[in-house]
Amino acid sequence: MKYILLSSLFLSGCLGSKSSLMFEERLSKTPPPQTLEVSEFEALKTAVLVPHCIGCHAGMEEESKVKEFITAGSPDESVLFLMVKDGSMPKGKPPLNSEELEKVRLYIESLKVK
C-alpha cells in the first residue's frame, strides 16, 4: 500500500499538469486502429467459390454473376444453394461440407437486408 501511495505521489509530481496534457493530446491524435471487415461475398468466395466453383465457372469471381443464381434472402429458392445442397455441384467433385453449405446459406440470407 505504501508503494502505491508513494508511486502515485512521485508520478503526479513528475508529470505535472503540462506533461499530463501533452500525453492526453498525443492520445487524442492517435488514429483508432483500422478494422478489416470481410464482406459476406468475400467470405463465400474464399471458403467456397475459389476452391469449388471458379475452376469451372470463371465468372463466379464476381458477385454480380453469383447473384444471377440467387433469390435474395431465400436459400431454398436459389439455384446455387439447391445445386450445392443436393450435391449436383460441384460436378465431379466431393459435395460441400456442412460448414461450406452454411456459408452459402448465410450469404444468400444476408442479401435480403440490402
N, C-alpha and C. Protein backbone atom coordinates (compact mmCIF):
# COMPACT_ATOMS: atom_id res chain seq x y z
N MET A 1 0.83 -1.19 0.00
CA MET A 1 0.00 0.00 0.00
C MET A 1 0.88 1.25 0.00
N LYS A 2 1.96 1.21 0.81
CA LYS A 2 2.87 2.35 0.87
C LYS A 2 3.45 2.64 -0.51
N TYR A 3 3.82 1.55 -1.20
CA TYR A 3 4.46 1.72 -2.50
C TYR A 3 3.51 2.34 -3.53
N ILE A 4 2.25 1.95 -3.47
CA ILE A 4 1.26 2.52 -4.39
C ILE A 4 1.10 4.01 -4.14
N LEU A 5 1.00 4.39 -2.84
CA LEU A 5 0.85 5.79 -2.48
C LEU A 5 2.08 6.59 -2.89
N LEU A 6 3.27 6.06 -2.60
CA LEU A 6 4.50 6.76 -2.98
C LEU A 6 4.62 6.87 -4.49
N SER A 7 4.28 5.80 -5.21
CA SER A 7 4.37 5.82 -6.66
C SER A 7 3.44 6.87 -7.25
N SER A 8 2.21 6.93 -6.74
CA SER A 8 1.27 7.90 -7.28
C SER A 8 1.71 9.33 -6.98
N LEU A 9 2.27 9.57 -5.79
CA LEU A 9 2.78 10.90 -5.46
C LEU A 9 3.94 11.27 -6.37
N PHE A 10 4.85 10.31 -6.58
CA PHE A 10 6.01 10.55 -7.42
C PHE A 10 5.58 10.86 -8.85
N LEU A 11 4.66 10.06 -9.38
CA LEU A 11 4.21 10.28 -10.76
C LEU A 11 3.47 11.60 -10.91
N SER A 12 2.65 11.94 -9.95
CA SER A 12 1.90 13.19 -10.08
C SER A 12 2.83 14.38 -10.00
N GLY A 13 3.89 14.27 -9.19
CA GLY A 13 4.86 15.35 -9.09
C GLY A 13 5.71 15.46 -10.34
N CYS A 14 6.08 14.33 -10.94
CA CYS A 14 6.95 14.34 -12.12
C CYS A 14 6.21 14.78 -13.37
N LEU A 15 5.01 14.31 -13.51
CA LEU A 15 4.28 14.59 -14.74
C LEU A 15 3.80 16.03 -14.79
N GLY A 16 3.32 16.53 -13.68
CA GLY A 16 2.80 17.89 -13.67
C GLY A 16 1.62 18.02 -14.61
N SER A 17 0.98 19.14 -14.58
CA SER A 17 -0.21 19.31 -15.42
C SER A 17 0.15 19.45 -16.89
N LYS A 18 1.27 20.10 -17.19
CA LYS A 18 1.66 20.31 -18.59
C LYS A 18 1.98 18.97 -19.27
N SER A 19 2.75 18.11 -18.59
CA SER A 19 3.10 16.81 -19.16
C SER A 19 1.86 15.96 -19.35
N SER A 20 1.00 16.01 -18.39
CA SER A 20 -0.23 15.23 -18.47
C SER A 20 -1.07 15.66 -19.66
N LEU A 21 -1.16 16.97 -19.89
CA LEU A 21 -1.92 17.47 -21.02
C LEU A 21 -1.29 17.06 -22.35
N MET A 22 0.05 17.09 -22.39
CA MET A 22 0.73 16.70 -23.61
C MET A 22 0.46 15.23 -23.93
N PHE A 23 0.43 14.40 -22.90
CA PHE A 23 0.16 12.98 -23.08
C PHE A 23 -1.27 12.79 -23.60
N GLU A 24 -2.23 13.48 -22.99
CA GLU A 24 -3.61 13.38 -23.43
C GLU A 24 -3.77 13.89 -24.86
N GLU A 25 -3.04 14.94 -25.19
CA GLU A 25 -3.10 15.49 -26.54
C GLU A 25 -2.60 14.46 -27.56
N ARG A 26 -1.50 13.78 -27.23
CA ARG A 26 -0.97 12.75 -28.13
C ARG A 26 -1.95 11.61 -28.28
N LEU A 27 -2.63 11.24 -27.21
CA LEU A 27 -3.61 10.17 -27.27
C LEU A 27 -4.77 10.54 -28.19
N SER A 28 -5.20 11.78 -28.10
CA SER A 28 -6.34 12.18 -28.91
C SER A 28 -5.99 12.25 -30.40
N LYS A 29 -4.70 12.42 -30.71
CA LYS A 29 -4.28 12.48 -32.11
C LYS A 29 -4.00 11.11 -32.70
N THR A 30 -3.94 10.10 -31.85
CA THR A 30 -3.67 8.75 -32.33
C THR A 30 -4.92 8.23 -33.03
N PRO A 31 -4.79 7.85 -34.31
CA PRO A 31 -5.98 7.35 -35.01
C PRO A 31 -6.41 6.00 -34.45
N PRO A 32 -7.72 5.74 -34.49
CA PRO A 32 -8.19 4.45 -33.99
C PRO A 32 -7.66 3.33 -34.88
N PRO A 33 -7.47 2.14 -34.31
CA PRO A 33 -6.96 1.03 -35.13
C PRO A 33 -7.94 0.70 -36.25
N GLN A 34 -7.40 0.38 -37.40
CA GLN A 34 -8.23 0.02 -38.54
C GLN A 34 -8.72 -1.41 -38.38
N THR A 35 -9.99 -1.62 -38.64
CA THR A 35 -10.51 -2.98 -38.62
C THR A 35 -10.83 -3.37 -40.05
N LEU A 36 -10.44 -4.54 -40.40
CA LEU A 36 -10.66 -5.03 -41.74
C LEU A 36 -11.93 -5.87 -41.73
N GLU A 37 -12.94 -5.38 -42.40
CA GLU A 37 -14.19 -6.12 -42.47
C GLU A 37 -14.21 -6.93 -43.75
N VAL A 38 -14.56 -8.18 -43.60
CA VAL A 38 -14.67 -9.05 -44.76
C VAL A 38 -16.15 -9.14 -45.09
N SER A 39 -16.48 -8.83 -46.33
CA SER A 39 -17.88 -8.89 -46.73
C SER A 39 -18.34 -10.33 -46.78
N GLU A 40 -19.64 -10.53 -46.75
CA GLU A 40 -20.20 -11.87 -46.87
C GLU A 40 -19.76 -12.51 -48.18
N PHE A 41 -19.70 -11.71 -49.25
CA PHE A 41 -19.28 -12.27 -50.53
C PHE A 41 -17.83 -12.71 -50.50
N GLU A 42 -16.95 -11.91 -49.92
CA GLU A 42 -15.53 -12.28 -49.84
C GLU A 42 -15.36 -13.56 -49.03
N ALA A 43 -16.11 -13.71 -47.96
CA ALA A 43 -16.05 -14.93 -47.15
C ALA A 43 -16.52 -16.13 -47.97
N LEU A 44 -17.61 -15.94 -48.72
CA LEU A 44 -18.12 -17.01 -49.59
C LEU A 44 -17.11 -17.35 -50.67
N LYS A 45 -16.54 -16.33 -51.27
CA LYS A 45 -15.57 -16.52 -52.35
C LYS A 45 -14.37 -17.31 -51.86
N THR A 46 -13.83 -16.92 -50.71
CA THR A 46 -12.64 -17.57 -50.16
C THR A 46 -12.92 -19.01 -49.75
N ALA A 47 -14.03 -19.23 -49.05
CA ALA A 47 -14.31 -20.55 -48.48
C ALA A 47 -14.93 -21.53 -49.47
N VAL A 48 -15.69 -21.02 -50.44
CA VAL A 48 -16.46 -21.93 -51.29
C VAL A 48 -16.15 -21.74 -52.78
N LEU A 49 -16.28 -20.52 -53.26
CA LEU A 49 -16.18 -20.31 -54.70
C LEU A 49 -14.79 -20.63 -55.26
N VAL A 50 -13.74 -20.14 -54.62
CA VAL A 50 -12.39 -20.38 -55.14
C VAL A 50 -12.06 -21.87 -55.13
N PRO A 51 -12.24 -22.57 -54.01
CA PRO A 51 -11.85 -23.98 -54.03
C PRO A 51 -12.79 -24.91 -54.79
N HIS A 52 -14.05 -24.52 -54.99
CA HIS A 52 -15.01 -25.46 -55.56
C HIS A 52 -15.66 -25.05 -56.88
N CYS A 53 -15.70 -23.77 -57.18
CA CYS A 53 -16.52 -23.32 -58.31
C CYS A 53 -15.74 -22.63 -59.43
N ILE A 54 -14.84 -21.76 -59.08
CA ILE A 54 -14.21 -20.88 -60.06
C ILE A 54 -13.38 -21.63 -61.10
N GLY A 55 -12.89 -22.82 -60.77
CA GLY A 55 -12.14 -23.62 -61.74
C GLY A 55 -12.95 -23.91 -62.99
N CYS A 56 -14.23 -24.14 -62.84
CA CYS A 56 -15.12 -24.42 -63.98
C CYS A 56 -15.98 -23.23 -64.37
N HIS A 57 -16.30 -22.40 -63.41
CA HIS A 57 -17.20 -21.25 -63.63
C HIS A 57 -16.42 -19.96 -63.33
N ALA A 58 -15.59 -19.54 -64.25
CA ALA A 58 -14.71 -18.38 -64.03
C ALA A 58 -15.48 -17.11 -63.64
N GLY A 59 -16.66 -16.92 -64.15
CA GLY A 59 -17.45 -15.73 -63.86
C GLY A 59 -17.89 -15.63 -62.41
N MET A 60 -17.80 -16.72 -61.68
CA MET A 60 -18.25 -16.72 -60.29
C MET A 60 -17.33 -15.92 -59.37
N GLU A 61 -16.29 -15.33 -59.93
CA GLU A 61 -15.42 -14.46 -59.13
C GLU A 61 -16.13 -13.15 -58.81
N GLU A 62 -17.09 -12.79 -59.65
CA GLU A 62 -17.80 -11.52 -59.50
C GLU A 62 -19.15 -11.74 -58.82
N GLU A 63 -19.42 -10.90 -57.86
CA GLU A 63 -20.66 -11.04 -57.10
C GLU A 63 -21.89 -10.91 -58.00
N SER A 64 -21.83 -10.05 -58.97
CA SER A 64 -22.98 -9.87 -59.86
C SER A 64 -23.32 -11.16 -60.60
N LYS A 65 -22.32 -11.95 -60.96
CA LYS A 65 -22.56 -13.22 -61.65
C LYS A 65 -23.15 -14.26 -60.71
N VAL A 66 -22.68 -14.26 -59.48
CA VAL A 66 -23.20 -15.20 -58.48
C VAL A 66 -24.66 -14.89 -58.21
N LYS A 67 -24.99 -13.61 -58.13
CA LYS A 67 -26.37 -13.20 -57.82
C LYS A 67 -27.37 -13.62 -58.88
N GLU A 68 -26.90 -13.92 -60.08
CA GLU A 68 -27.79 -14.40 -61.13
C GLU A 68 -28.42 -15.75 -60.77
N PHE A 69 -27.80 -16.47 -59.85
CA PHE A 69 -28.26 -17.81 -59.46
C PHE A 69 -28.85 -17.83 -58.06
N ILE A 70 -29.21 -16.64 -57.59
CA ILE A 70 -29.68 -16.50 -56.21
C ILE A 70 -30.99 -15.72 -56.16
N THR A 71 -31.87 -16.16 -55.27
CA THR A 71 -33.05 -15.38 -54.91
C THR A 71 -32.71 -14.75 -53.56
N ALA A 72 -32.48 -13.45 -53.56
CA ALA A 72 -32.02 -12.75 -52.36
C ALA A 72 -32.87 -13.08 -51.14
N GLY A 73 -32.20 -13.50 -50.08
CA GLY A 73 -32.88 -13.79 -48.83
C GLY A 73 -33.53 -15.16 -48.75
N SER A 74 -33.50 -15.92 -49.85
CA SER A 74 -34.20 -17.21 -49.87
C SER A 74 -33.32 -18.34 -50.39
N PRO A 75 -32.54 -18.95 -49.53
CA PRO A 75 -31.68 -20.04 -49.98
C PRO A 75 -32.45 -21.17 -50.65
N ASP A 76 -33.60 -21.53 -50.10
CA ASP A 76 -34.35 -22.67 -50.65
C ASP A 76 -35.02 -22.37 -51.98
N GLU A 77 -34.94 -21.14 -52.44
CA GLU A 77 -35.44 -20.77 -53.77
C GLU A 77 -34.29 -20.40 -54.71
N SER A 78 -33.06 -20.54 -54.24
CA SER A 78 -31.88 -20.14 -55.00
C SER A 78 -31.25 -21.35 -55.69
N VAL A 79 -31.08 -21.24 -57.00
CA VAL A 79 -30.50 -22.32 -57.79
C VAL A 79 -29.13 -22.72 -57.23
N LEU A 80 -28.31 -21.73 -56.91
CA LEU A 80 -26.98 -22.02 -56.39
C LEU A 80 -27.05 -22.90 -55.15
N PHE A 81 -27.86 -22.49 -54.19
CA PHE A 81 -27.94 -23.25 -52.94
C PHE A 81 -28.51 -24.65 -53.17
N LEU A 82 -29.54 -24.74 -53.96
CA LEU A 82 -30.16 -26.05 -54.20
C LEU A 82 -29.19 -27.02 -54.87
N MET A 83 -28.38 -26.52 -55.80
CA MET A 83 -27.44 -27.40 -56.50
C MET A 83 -26.28 -27.85 -55.61
N VAL A 84 -25.80 -26.98 -54.74
CA VAL A 84 -24.73 -27.42 -53.85
C VAL A 84 -25.29 -28.25 -52.70
N LYS A 85 -26.52 -27.98 -52.33
CA LYS A 85 -27.15 -28.74 -51.24
C LYS A 85 -27.41 -30.19 -51.66
N ASP A 86 -27.90 -30.38 -52.90
CA ASP A 86 -28.20 -31.76 -53.35
C ASP A 86 -26.96 -32.48 -53.90
N GLY A 87 -25.84 -31.78 -53.98
CA GLY A 87 -24.59 -32.41 -54.40
C GLY A 87 -24.38 -32.45 -55.91
N SER A 88 -25.29 -31.85 -56.68
CA SER A 88 -25.09 -31.86 -58.13
C SER A 88 -23.97 -30.91 -58.54
N MET A 89 -23.61 -30.00 -57.68
CA MET A 89 -22.44 -29.14 -57.86
C MET A 89 -21.64 -29.17 -56.57
N PRO A 90 -20.38 -29.14 -56.62
CA PRO A 90 -19.52 -29.08 -57.80
C PRO A 90 -19.46 -30.43 -58.52
N LYS A 91 -19.63 -30.36 -59.81
CA LYS A 91 -19.71 -31.56 -60.65
C LYS A 91 -18.37 -32.31 -60.65
N GLY A 92 -18.45 -33.60 -60.43
CA GLY A 92 -17.26 -34.44 -60.45
C GLY A 92 -16.34 -34.27 -59.24
N LYS A 93 -16.80 -33.56 -58.24
CA LYS A 93 -16.01 -33.34 -57.03
C LYS A 93 -16.85 -33.70 -55.81
N PRO A 94 -16.21 -33.86 -54.66
CA PRO A 94 -17.00 -34.14 -53.44
C PRO A 94 -17.95 -32.98 -53.14
N PRO A 95 -19.10 -33.29 -52.56
CA PRO A 95 -20.05 -32.22 -52.21
C PRO A 95 -19.47 -31.30 -51.13
N LEU A 96 -20.06 -30.14 -51.02
CA LEU A 96 -19.65 -29.19 -49.98
C LEU A 96 -19.95 -29.79 -48.61
N ASN A 97 -19.09 -29.48 -47.66
CA ASN A 97 -19.36 -29.95 -46.29
C ASN A 97 -20.39 -29.02 -45.64
N SER A 98 -20.81 -29.36 -44.45
CA SER A 98 -21.88 -28.58 -43.79
C SER A 98 -21.47 -27.14 -43.51
N GLU A 99 -20.20 -26.91 -43.19
CA GLU A 99 -19.73 -25.55 -42.93
C GLU A 99 -19.77 -24.71 -44.21
N GLU A 100 -19.38 -25.29 -45.33
CA GLU A 100 -19.40 -24.58 -46.61
C GLU A 100 -20.84 -24.30 -47.04
N LEU A 101 -21.71 -25.28 -46.86
CA LEU A 101 -23.14 -25.06 -47.17
C LEU A 101 -23.71 -23.92 -46.33
N GLU A 102 -23.31 -23.87 -45.09
CA GLU A 102 -23.79 -22.81 -44.19
C GLU A 102 -23.32 -21.44 -44.68
N LYS A 103 -22.10 -21.34 -45.18
CA LYS A 103 -21.60 -20.06 -45.71
C LYS A 103 -22.43 -19.62 -46.92
N VAL A 104 -22.79 -20.56 -47.78
CA VAL A 104 -23.64 -20.24 -48.93
C VAL A 104 -25.00 -19.75 -48.45
N ARG A 105 -25.57 -20.48 -47.51
CA ARG A 105 -26.89 -20.10 -46.97
C ARG A 105 -26.84 -18.71 -46.33
N LEU A 106 -25.83 -18.46 -45.50
CA LEU A 106 -25.71 -17.16 -44.83
C LEU A 106 -25.53 -16.02 -45.82
N TYR A 107 -24.75 -16.25 -46.86
CA TYR A 107 -24.56 -15.21 -47.88
C TYR A 107 -25.90 -14.87 -48.53
N ILE A 108 -26.64 -15.89 -48.92
CA ILE A 108 -27.92 -15.65 -49.60
C ILE A 108 -28.89 -14.93 -48.66
N GLU A 109 -28.92 -15.34 -47.41
CA GLU A 109 -29.80 -14.67 -46.44
C GLU A 109 -29.39 -13.24 -46.19
N SER A 110 -28.10 -12.96 -46.25
CA SER A 110 -27.62 -11.59 -46.00
C SER A 110 -28.08 -10.62 -47.08
N LEU A 111 -28.40 -11.12 -48.24
CA LEU A 111 -28.81 -10.25 -49.35
C LEU A 111 -30.19 -9.64 -49.16
N LYS A 112 -31.01 -10.22 -48.32
CA LYS A 112 -32.36 -9.68 -48.12
C LYS A 112 -32.36 -8.33 -47.42
N VAL A 113 -31.29 -8.05 -46.66
CA VAL A 113 -31.21 -6.80 -45.91
C VAL A 113 -30.82 -5.65 -46.80
N LYS A 114 -30.11 -5.94 -47.87
CA LYS A 114 -29.55 -4.88 -48.72
C LYS A 114 -30.53 -4.35 -49.70
